[in-house]
PDB file of all heavy atoms in Angstrom:
ATOM      1  N   PHE A   1       0.748  -1.213  -0.018  1.00  0.00           N
ATOM      2  CA  PHE A   1      -0.048  -0.021   0.035  1.00  0.00           C
ATOM      3  C   PHE A   1       0.822   1.187   0.075  1.00  0.00           C
ATOM      4  O   PHE A   1       0.676   2.153  -0.807  1.00  0.00           O
ATOM      5  CB  PHE A   1      -0.986   0.020   1.253  1.00  0.00           C
ATOM      6  CG  PHE A   1      -1.636   1.329   1.443  1.00  0.00           C
ATOM      7  CD1 PHE A   1      -2.799   1.593   0.666  1.00  0.00           C
ATOM      8  CD2 PHE A   1      -1.159   2.357   2.300  1.00  0.00           C
ATOM      9  CE1 PHE A   1      -3.529   2.844   0.900  1.00  0.00           C
ATOM     10  CE2 PHE A   1      -1.864   3.570   2.411  1.00  0.00           C
ATOM     11  CZ  PHE A   1      -2.967   3.832   1.573  1.00  0.00           C
ATOM     12  N   LEU A   2       1.843   1.268   0.832  1.00  0.00           N
ATOM     13  CA  LEU A   2       2.725   2.555   1.086  1.00  0.00           C
ATOM     14  C   LEU A   2       3.581   2.673  -0.195  1.00  0.00           C
ATOM     15  O   LEU A   2       3.654   3.853  -0.775  1.00  0.00           O
ATOM     16  CB  LEU A   2       3.594   2.330   2.269  1.00  0.00           C
ATOM     17  CG  LEU A   2       2.962   2.330   3.602  1.00  0.00           C
ATOM     18  CD1 LEU A   2       3.868   2.111   4.777  1.00  0.00           C
ATOM     19  CD2 LEU A   2       2.224   3.711   3.793  1.00  0.00           C
ATOM     20  N   LEU A   3       4.210   1.655  -0.701  1.00  0.00           N
ATOM     21  CA  LEU A   3       4.981   1.772  -2.015  1.00  0.00           C
ATOM     22  C   LEU A   3       4.190   2.010  -3.130  1.00  0.00           C
ATOM     23  O   LEU A   3       4.584   2.873  -3.962  1.00  0.00           O
ATOM     24  CB  LEU A   3       5.810   0.508  -2.183  1.00  0.00           C
ATOM     25  CG  LEU A   3       7.022   0.312  -1.234  1.00  0.00           C
ATOM     26  CD1 LEU A   3       7.637  -1.019  -1.219  1.00  0.00           C
ATOM     27  CD2 LEU A   3       8.154   1.377  -1.476  1.00  0.00           C
ATOM     28  N   SER A   4       2.951   1.480  -3.310  1.00  0.00           N
ATOM     29  CA  SER A   4       2.155   1.781  -4.516  1.00  0.00           C
ATOM     30  C   SER A   4       1.619   3.240  -4.442  1.00  0.00           C
ATOM     31  O   SER A   4       1.595   3.878  -5.477  1.00  0.00           O
ATOM     32  CB  SER A   4       1.055   0.870  -4.518  1.00  0.00           C
ATOM     33  OG  SER A   4       1.388  -0.466  -4.745  1.00  0.00           O
ATOM     34  N   SER A   5       1.263   3.589  -3.303  1.00  0.00           N
ATOM     35  CA  SER A   5       0.746   5.051  -3.139  1.00  0.00           C
ATOM     36  C   SER A   5       1.902   5.980  -3.467  1.00  0.00           C
ATOM     37  O   SER A   5       1.687   6.945  -4.230  1.00  0.00           O
ATOM     38  CB  SER A   5       0.348   5.290  -1.714  1.00  0.00           C
ATOM     39  OG  SER A   5      -0.755   4.588  -1.361  1.00  0.00           O
ATOM     40  N   ALA A   6       3.108   5.803  -2.982  1.00  0.00           N
ATOM     41  CA  ALA A   6       4.174   6.547  -3.317  1.00  0.00           C
ATOM     42  C   ALA A   6       4.692   6.465  -4.774  1.00  0.00           C
ATOM     43  O   ALA A   6       5.115   7.505  -5.404  1.00  0.00           O
ATOM     44  CB  ALA A   6       5.444   6.176  -2.454  1.00  0.00           C
ATOM     45  N   GLY A   7       4.406   5.248  -5.340  1.00  0.00           N
ATOM     46  CA  GLY A   7       4.734   5.056  -6.724  1.00  0.00           C
ATOM     47  C   GLY A   7       3.906   5.953  -7.650  1.00  0.00           C
ATOM     48  O   GLY A   7       4.429   6.387  -8.704  1.00  0.00           O
ATOM     49  N   VAL A   8       2.691   6.115  -7.340  1.00  0.00           N
ATOM     50  CA  VAL A   8       1.764   6.897  -8.265  1.00  0.00           C
ATOM     51  C   VAL A   8       2.336   8.344  -8.201  1.00  0.00           C
ATOM     52  O   VAL A   8       2.404   8.940  -9.253  1.00  0.00           O
ATOM     53  CB  VAL A   8       0.266   6.873  -7.613  1.00  0.00           C
ATOM     54  CG1 VAL A   8      -0.520   7.917  -8.417  1.00  0.00           C
ATOM     55  CG2 VAL A   8      -0.276   5.472  -7.931  1.00  0.00           C
ATOM     56  N   LYS A   9       2.739   8.877  -7.017  1.00  0.00           N
ATOM     57  CA  LYS A   9       3.214  10.182  -6.949  1.00  0.00           C
ATOM     58  C   LYS A   9       4.562  10.387  -7.684  1.00  0.00           C
ATOM     59  O   LYS A   9       4.898  11.326  -8.317  1.00  0.00           O
ATOM     60  CB  LYS A   9       3.383  10.685  -5.483  1.00  0.00           C
ATOM     61  CG  LYS A   9       3.820  12.025  -5.298  1.00  0.00           C
ATOM     62  CD  LYS A   9       2.741  13.074  -5.812  1.00  0.00           C
ATOM     63  CE  LYS A   9       3.155  14.462  -5.540  1.00  0.00           C
ATOM     64  NZ  LYS A   9       2.179  15.426  -6.091  1.00  0.00           N
ATOM     65  N   ILE A  10       5.416   9.329  -7.454  1.00  0.00           N
ATOM     66  CA  ILE A  10       6.822   9.340  -8.133  1.00  0.00           C
ATOM     67  C   ILE A  10       6.605   9.194  -9.472  1.00  0.00           C
ATOM     68  O   ILE A  10       7.231  10.035 -10.328  1.00  0.00           O
ATOM     69  CB  ILE A  10       7.638   8.135  -7.635  1.00  0.00           C
ATOM     70  CG1 ILE A  10       8.110   8.370  -6.115  1.00  0.00           C
ATOM     71  CG2 ILE A  10       8.863   7.869  -8.430  1.00  0.00           C
ATOM     72  CD1 ILE A  10       8.563   7.249  -5.354  1.00  0.00           C
ATOM     73  N   GLY A  11       5.657   8.524 -10.128  1.00  0.00           N
ATOM     74  CA  GLY A  11       5.433   8.429 -11.578  1.00  0.00           C
ATOM     75  C   GLY A  11       4.986   9.801 -12.140  1.00  0.00           C
ATOM     76  O   GLY A  11       5.453  10.110 -13.220  1.00  0.00           O
ATOM     77  N   SER A  12       4.276  10.385 -11.332  1.00  0.00           N
ATOM     78  CA  SER A  12       3.740  11.698 -11.800  1.00  0.00           C
ATOM     79  C   SER A  12       4.807  12.840 -11.903  1.00  0.00           C
ATOM     80  O   SER A  12       4.915  13.740 -12.596  1.00  0.00           O
ATOM     81  CB  SER A  12       2.468  12.236 -11.090  1.00  0.00           C
ATOM     82  OG  SER A  12       2.964  12.746  -9.797  1.00  0.00           O
ATOM     83  N   VAL A  13       5.850  12.677 -11.015  1.00  0.00           N
ATOM     84  CA  VAL A  13       6.955  13.530 -10.832  1.00  0.00           C
ATOM     85  C   VAL A  13       8.049  13.273 -11.667  1.00  0.00           C
ATOM     86  O   VAL A  13       8.654  14.067 -12.356  1.00  0.00           O
ATOM     87  CB  VAL A  13       7.330  13.769  -9.347  1.00  0.00           C
ATOM     88  CG1 VAL A  13       8.545  14.694  -9.154  1.00  0.00           C
ATOM     89  CG2 VAL A  13       6.162  14.329  -8.428  1.00  0.00           C
ATOM     90  N   PHE A  14       8.487  11.964 -11.581  1.00  0.00           N
ATOM     91  CA  PHE A  14       9.814  11.636 -12.249  1.00  0.00           C
ATOM     92  C   PHE A  14       9.683  10.807 -13.473  1.00  0.00           C
ATOM     93  O   PHE A  14      10.590  10.494 -14.183  1.00  0.00           O
ATOM     94  CB  PHE A  14      10.686  10.837 -11.178  1.00  0.00           C
ATOM     95  CG  PHE A  14      11.044  11.599 -10.073  1.00  0.00           C
ATOM     96  CD1 PHE A  14      10.508  11.446  -8.780  1.00  0.00           C
ATOM     97  CD2 PHE A  14      12.061  12.646 -10.192  1.00  0.00           C
ATOM     98  CE1 PHE A  14      10.948  12.181  -7.737  1.00  0.00           C
ATOM     99  CE2 PHE A  14      12.345  13.363  -9.153  1.00  0.00           C
ATOM    100  CZ  PHE A  14      11.828  13.170  -7.816  1.00  0.00           C
ATOM    101  N   GLY A  15       8.463  10.286 -13.764  1.00  0.00           N
ATOM    102  CA  GLY A  15       8.213   9.422 -14.850  1.00  0.00           C
ATOM    103  C   GLY A  15       8.772   7.982 -14.748  1.00  0.00           C
ATOM    104  O   GLY A  15       8.753   7.485 -13.596  1.00  0.00           O
ATOM    105  N   LEU A  16       9.261   7.446 -15.795  1.00  0.00           N
ATOM    106  CA  LEU A  16       9.631   5.902 -15.791  1.00  0.00           C
ATOM    107  C   LEU A  16      11.018   5.649 -15.368  1.00  0.00           C
ATOM    108  O   LEU A  16      11.577   4.634 -15.333  1.00  0.00           O
ATOM    109  CB  LEU A  16       9.508   5.466 -17.184  1.00  0.00           C
ATOM    110  CG  LEU A  16       8.063   5.369 -17.749  1.00  0.00           C
ATOM    111  CD1 LEU A  16       8.141   4.917 -19.206  1.00  0.00           C
ATOM    112  CD2 LEU A  16       7.250   4.445 -16.921  1.00  0.00           C
ATOM    113  N   ARG A  17      11.699   6.626 -14.856  1.00  0.00           N
ATOM    114  CA  ARG A  17      13.164   6.615 -14.469  1.00  0.00           C
ATOM    115  C   ARG A  17      13.363   5.410 -13.430  1.00  0.00           C
ATOM    116  O   ARG A  17      14.366   4.770 -13.494  1.00  0.00           O
ATOM    117  CB  ARG A  17      13.452   7.853 -13.836  1.00  0.00           C
ATOM    118  CG  ARG A  17      15.039   8.108 -14.002  1.00  0.00           C
ATOM    119  CD  ARG A  17      15.404   9.356 -13.434  1.00  0.00           C
ATOM    120  NE  ARG A  17      14.500  10.438 -14.004  1.00  0.00           N
ATOM    121  CZ  ARG A  17      14.529  11.687 -13.717  1.00  0.00           C
ATOM    122  NH1 ARG A  17      15.368  12.221 -12.885  1.00  0.00           N
ATOM    123  NH2 ARG A  17      13.608  12.521 -14.235  1.00  0.00           N
ATOM    124  N   PHE A  18      12.380   5.181 -12.437  1.00  0.00           N
ATOM    125  CA  PHE A  18      12.669   4.095 -11.450  1.00  0.00           C
ATOM    126  C   PHE A  18      11.945   2.842 -11.647  1.00  0.00           C
ATOM    127  O   PHE A  18      12.083   1.924 -10.930  1.00  0.00           O
ATOM    128  CB  PHE A  18      12.157   4.743 -10.093  1.00  0.00           C
ATOM    129  CG  PHE A  18      13.001   6.056  -9.768  1.00  0.00           C
ATOM    130  CD1 PHE A  18      12.264   7.191  -9.619  1.00  0.00           C
ATOM    131  CD2 PHE A  18      14.245   5.920  -9.347  1.00  0.00           C
ATOM    132  CE1 PHE A  18      12.883   8.469  -9.212  1.00  0.00           C
ATOM    133  CE2 PHE A  18      15.033   7.127  -8.961  1.00  0.00           C
ATOM    134  CZ  PHE A  18      14.303   8.247  -8.888  1.00  0.00           C
ATOM    135  N   LYS A  19      11.218   2.728 -12.702  1.00  0.00           N
ATOM    136  CA  LYS A  19      10.322   1.625 -13.006  1.00  0.00           C
ATOM    137  C   LYS A  19      11.241   0.308 -13.065  1.00  0.00           C
ATOM    138  O   LYS A  19      11.074  -0.608 -12.386  1.00  0.00           O
ATOM    139  CB  LYS A  19       9.388   1.744 -14.085  1.00  0.00           C
ATOM    140  CG  LYS A  19       8.551   0.586 -14.359  1.00  0.00           C
ATOM    141  CD  LYS A  19       7.682   0.875 -15.618  1.00  0.00           C
ATOM    142  CE  LYS A  19       6.694  -0.259 -15.933  1.00  0.00           C
ATOM    143  NZ  LYS A  19       7.347  -1.477 -16.437  1.00  0.00           N
ATOM    144  N   ARG A  20      12.079   0.280 -14.081  1.00  0.00           N
ATOM    145  CA  ARG A  20      12.868  -0.909 -14.251  1.00  0.00           C
ATOM    146  C   ARG A  20      13.830  -1.173 -13.125  1.00  0.00           C
ATOM    147  O   ARG A  20      13.956  -2.340 -12.700  1.00  0.00           O
ATOM    148  CB  ARG A  20      13.761  -0.766 -15.550  1.00  0.00           C
ATOM    149  CG  ARG A  20      12.852  -0.908 -16.726  1.00  0.00           C
ATOM    150  CD  ARG A  20      13.818  -1.193 -17.970  1.00  0.00           C
ATOM    151  NE  ARG A  20      12.806  -1.423 -19.131  1.00  0.00           N
ATOM    152  CZ  ARG A  20      12.849  -0.790 -20.194  1.00  0.00           C
ATOM    153  NH1 ARG A  20      13.741   0.254 -20.370  1.00  0.00           N
ATOM    154  NH2 ARG A  20      11.993  -1.020 -21.178  1.00  0.00           N
ATOM    155  N   LYS A  21      14.345  -0.204 -12.517  1.00  0.00           N
ATOM    156  CA  LYS A  21      15.331  -0.407 -11.305  1.00  0.00           C
ATOM    157  C   LYS A  21      14.507  -1.046 -10.191  1.00  0.00           C
ATOM    158  O   LYS A  21      14.994  -1.841  -9.519  1.00  0.00           O
ATOM    159  CB  LYS A  21      15.892   0.854 -10.936  1.00  0.00           C
ATOM    160  CG  LYS A  21      16.900   1.425 -11.868  1.00  0.00           C
ATOM    161  CD  LYS A  21      17.542   2.759 -11.415  1.00  0.00           C
ATOM    162  CE  LYS A  21      18.270   3.305 -12.399  1.00  0.00           C
ATOM    163  NZ  LYS A  21      18.711   4.627 -12.453  1.00  0.00           N
ATOM    164  N   ALA A  22      13.203  -0.648  -9.899  1.00  0.00           N
ATOM    165  CA  ALA A  22      12.368  -1.220  -8.985  1.00  0.00           C
ATOM    166  C   ALA A  22      12.147  -2.660  -9.226  1.00  0.00           C
ATOM    167  O   ALA A  22      12.238  -3.458  -8.174  1.00  0.00           O
ATOM    168  CB  ALA A  22      11.062  -0.412  -8.850  1.00  0.00           C
ATOM    169  N   GLU A  23      11.777  -3.005 -10.439  1.00  0.00           N
ATOM    170  CA  GLU A  23      11.498  -4.445 -10.796  1.00  0.00           C
ATOM    171  C   GLU A  23      12.759  -5.381 -10.616  1.00  0.00           C
ATOM    172  O   GLU A  23      12.692  -6.429 -10.099  1.00  0.00           O
ATOM    173  CB  GLU A  23      11.060  -4.579 -12.142  1.00  0.00           C
ATOM    174  CG  GLU A  23       9.572  -3.965 -12.244  1.00  0.00           C
ATOM    175  CD  GLU A  23       8.942  -4.031 -13.626  1.00  0.00           C
ATOM    176  OE1 GLU A  23       9.692  -3.804 -14.601  1.00  0.00           O
ATOM    177  OE2 GLU A  23       7.742  -4.240 -13.860  1.00  0.00           O
ATOM    178  N   ILE A  24      13.845  -4.834 -11.007  1.00  0.00           N
ATOM    179  CA  ILE A  24      15.061  -5.654 -10.937  1.00  0.00           C
ATOM    180  C   ILE A  24      15.530  -5.699  -9.457  1.00  0.00           C
ATOM    181  O   ILE A  24      15.857  -6.839  -9.020  1.00  0.00           O
ATOM    182  CB  ILE A  24      16.212  -4.873 -11.656  1.00  0.00           C
ATOM    183  CG1 ILE A  24      16.008  -5.016 -13.268  1.00  0.00           C
ATOM    184  CG2 ILE A  24      17.590  -5.499 -11.351  1.00  0.00           C
ATOM    185  CD1 ILE A  24      16.891  -4.202 -14.145  1.00  0.00           C
ATOM    186  N   THR A  25      15.450  -4.707  -8.738  1.00  0.00           N
ATOM    187  CA  THR A  25      15.645  -4.832  -7.273  1.00  0.00           C
ATOM    188  C   THR A  25      14.880  -5.793  -6.592  1.00  0.00           C
ATOM    189  O   THR A  25      15.177  -6.645  -5.832  1.00  0.00           O
ATOM    190  CB  THR A  25      15.492  -3.348  -6.665  1.00  0.00           C
ATOM    191  OG1 THR A  25      16.419  -2.459  -7.160  1.00  0.00           O
ATOM    192  CG2 THR A  25      15.727  -3.413  -5.053  1.00  0.00           C
ATOM    193  N   GLY A  26      13.469  -5.778  -6.794  1.00  0.00           N
ATOM    194  CA  GLY A  26      12.596  -6.692  -6.329  1.00  0.00           C
ATOM    195  C   GLY A  26      12.886  -8.203  -6.718  1.00  0.00           C
ATOM    196  O   GLY A  26      12.944  -9.021  -5.777  1.00  0.00           O
ATOM    197  N   GLY A  27      13.344  -8.329  -7.891  1.00  0.00           N
ATOM    198  CA  GLY A  27      13.718  -9.801  -8.371  1.00  0.00           C
ATOM    199  C   GLY A  27      14.962 -10.328  -7.617  1.00  0.00           C
ATOM    200  O   GLY A  27      14.987 -11.439  -7.226  1.00  0.00           O
ATOM    201  N   VAL A  28      15.964  -9.239  -7.545  1.00  0.00           N
ATOM    202  CA  VAL A  28      17.244  -9.693  -6.785  1.00  0.00           C
ATOM    203  C   VAL A  28      16.960 -10.123  -5.365  1.00  0.00           C
ATOM    204  O   VAL A  28      17.430 -11.079  -4.778  1.00  0.00           O
ATOM    205  CB  VAL A  28      18.283  -8.641  -7.050  1.00  0.00           C
ATOM    206  CG1 VAL A  28      19.315  -8.934  -6.036  1.00  0.00           C
ATOM    207  CG2 VAL A  28      18.741  -8.478  -8.337  1.00  0.00           C
ATOM    208  N   ILE A  29      16.123  -9.198  -4.718  1.00  0.00           N
ATOM    209  CA  ILE A  29      15.621  -9.571  -3.250  1.00  0.00           C
ATOM    210  C   ILE A  29      15.031 -10.960  -3.184  1.00  0.00           C
ATOM    211  O   ILE A  29      15.478 -11.678  -2.134  1.00  0.00           O
ATOM    212  CB  ILE A  29      14.776  -8.428  -2.784  1.00  0.00           C
ATOM    213  CG1 ILE A  29      15.572  -7.136  -2.500  1.00  0.00           C
ATOM    214  CG2 ILE A  29      14.120  -8.759  -1.417  1.00  0.00           C
ATOM    215  CD1 ILE A  29      14.798  -5.845  -2.233  1.00  0.00           C
ATOM    216  N   LEU A  30      14.081 -11.264  -4.001  1.00  0.00           N
ATOM    217  CA  LEU A  30      13.470 -12.534  -3.890  1.00  0.00           C
ATOM    218  C   LEU A  30      14.435 -13.652  -4.176  1.00  0.00           C
ATOM    219  O   LEU A  30      14.302 -14.712  -3.440  1.00  0.00           O
ATOM    220  CB  LEU A  30      12.301 -12.574  -4.820  1.00  0.00           C
ATOM    221  CG  LEU A  30      11.117 -11.729  -4.495  1.00  0.00           C
ATOM    222  CD1 LEU A  30      10.086 -11.681  -5.583  1.00  0.00           C
ATOM    223  CD2 LEU A  30      10.533 -12.023  -3.094  1.00  0.00           C
ATOM    224  N   ILE A  31      15.241 -13.533  -5.179  1.00  0.00           N
ATOM    225  CA  ILE A  31      16.312 -14.634  -5.413  1.00  0.00           C
ATOM    226  C   ILE A  31      17.219 -14.831  -4.180  1.00  0.00           C
ATOM    227  O   ILE A  31      17.476 -15.960  -3.771  1.00  0.00           O
ATOM    228  CB  ILE A  31      17.104 -14.268  -6.646  1.00  0.00           C
ATOM    229  CG1 ILE A  31      16.252 -14.342  -7.938  1.00  0.00           C
ATOM    230  CG2 ILE A  31      18.296 -15.187  -6.808  1.00  0.00           C
ATOM    231  CD1 ILE A  31      16.890 -13.796  -9.187  1.00  0.00           C
ATOM    232  N   LEU A  32      17.663 -13.732  -3.580  1.00  0.00           N
ATOM    233  CA  LEU A  32      18.659 -13.830  -2.379  1.00  0.00           C
ATOM    234  C   LEU A  32      17.786 -14.448  -1.232  1.00  0.00           C
ATOM    235  O   LEU A  32      18.493 -15.210  -0.481  1.00  0.00           O
ATOM    236  CB  LEU A  32      19.188 -12.449  -2.112  1.00  0.00           C
ATOM    237  CG  LEU A  32      20.181 -11.911  -3.129  1.00  0.00           C
ATOM    238  CD1 LEU A  32      20.604 -10.413  -2.800  1.00  0.00           C
ATOM    239  CD2 LEU A  32      21.362 -12.778  -3.195  1.00  0.00           C
ATOM    240  N   MET A  33      16.627 -14.084  -0.991  1.00  0.00           N
ATOM    241  CA  MET A  33      15.800 -14.686   0.084  1.00  0.00           C
ATOM    242  C   MET A  33      15.712 -16.218  -0.208  1.00  0.00           C
ATOM    243  O   MET A  33      15.748 -17.030   0.843  1.00  0.00           O
ATOM    244  CB  MET A  33      14.438 -13.971   0.210  1.00  0.00           C
ATOM    245  CG  MET A  33      14.501 -12.612   0.750  1.00  0.00           C
ATOM    246  SD  MET A  33      15.483 -12.458   2.332  1.00  0.00           S
ATOM    247  CE  MET A  33      14.423 -13.426   3.333  1.00  0.00           C
ATOM    248  N   GLY A  34      15.374 -16.560  -1.360  1.00  0.00           N
ATOM    249  CA  GLY A  34      15.261 -18.015  -1.674  1.00  0.00           C
ATOM    250  C   GLY A  34      16.567 -18.759  -1.435  1.00  0.00           C
ATOM    251  O   GLY A  34      16.662 -19.787  -0.824  1.00  0.00           O
TER     252      GLY A  34
END
């Protein structure tokens, strides 16, 4: 909830700059936890 809410605002301000980095970071975190 918190990250998605912030993501909407970030998207309106910064655009797509963080989208791919966020998805890659999430993927790496899940692999490392596994």
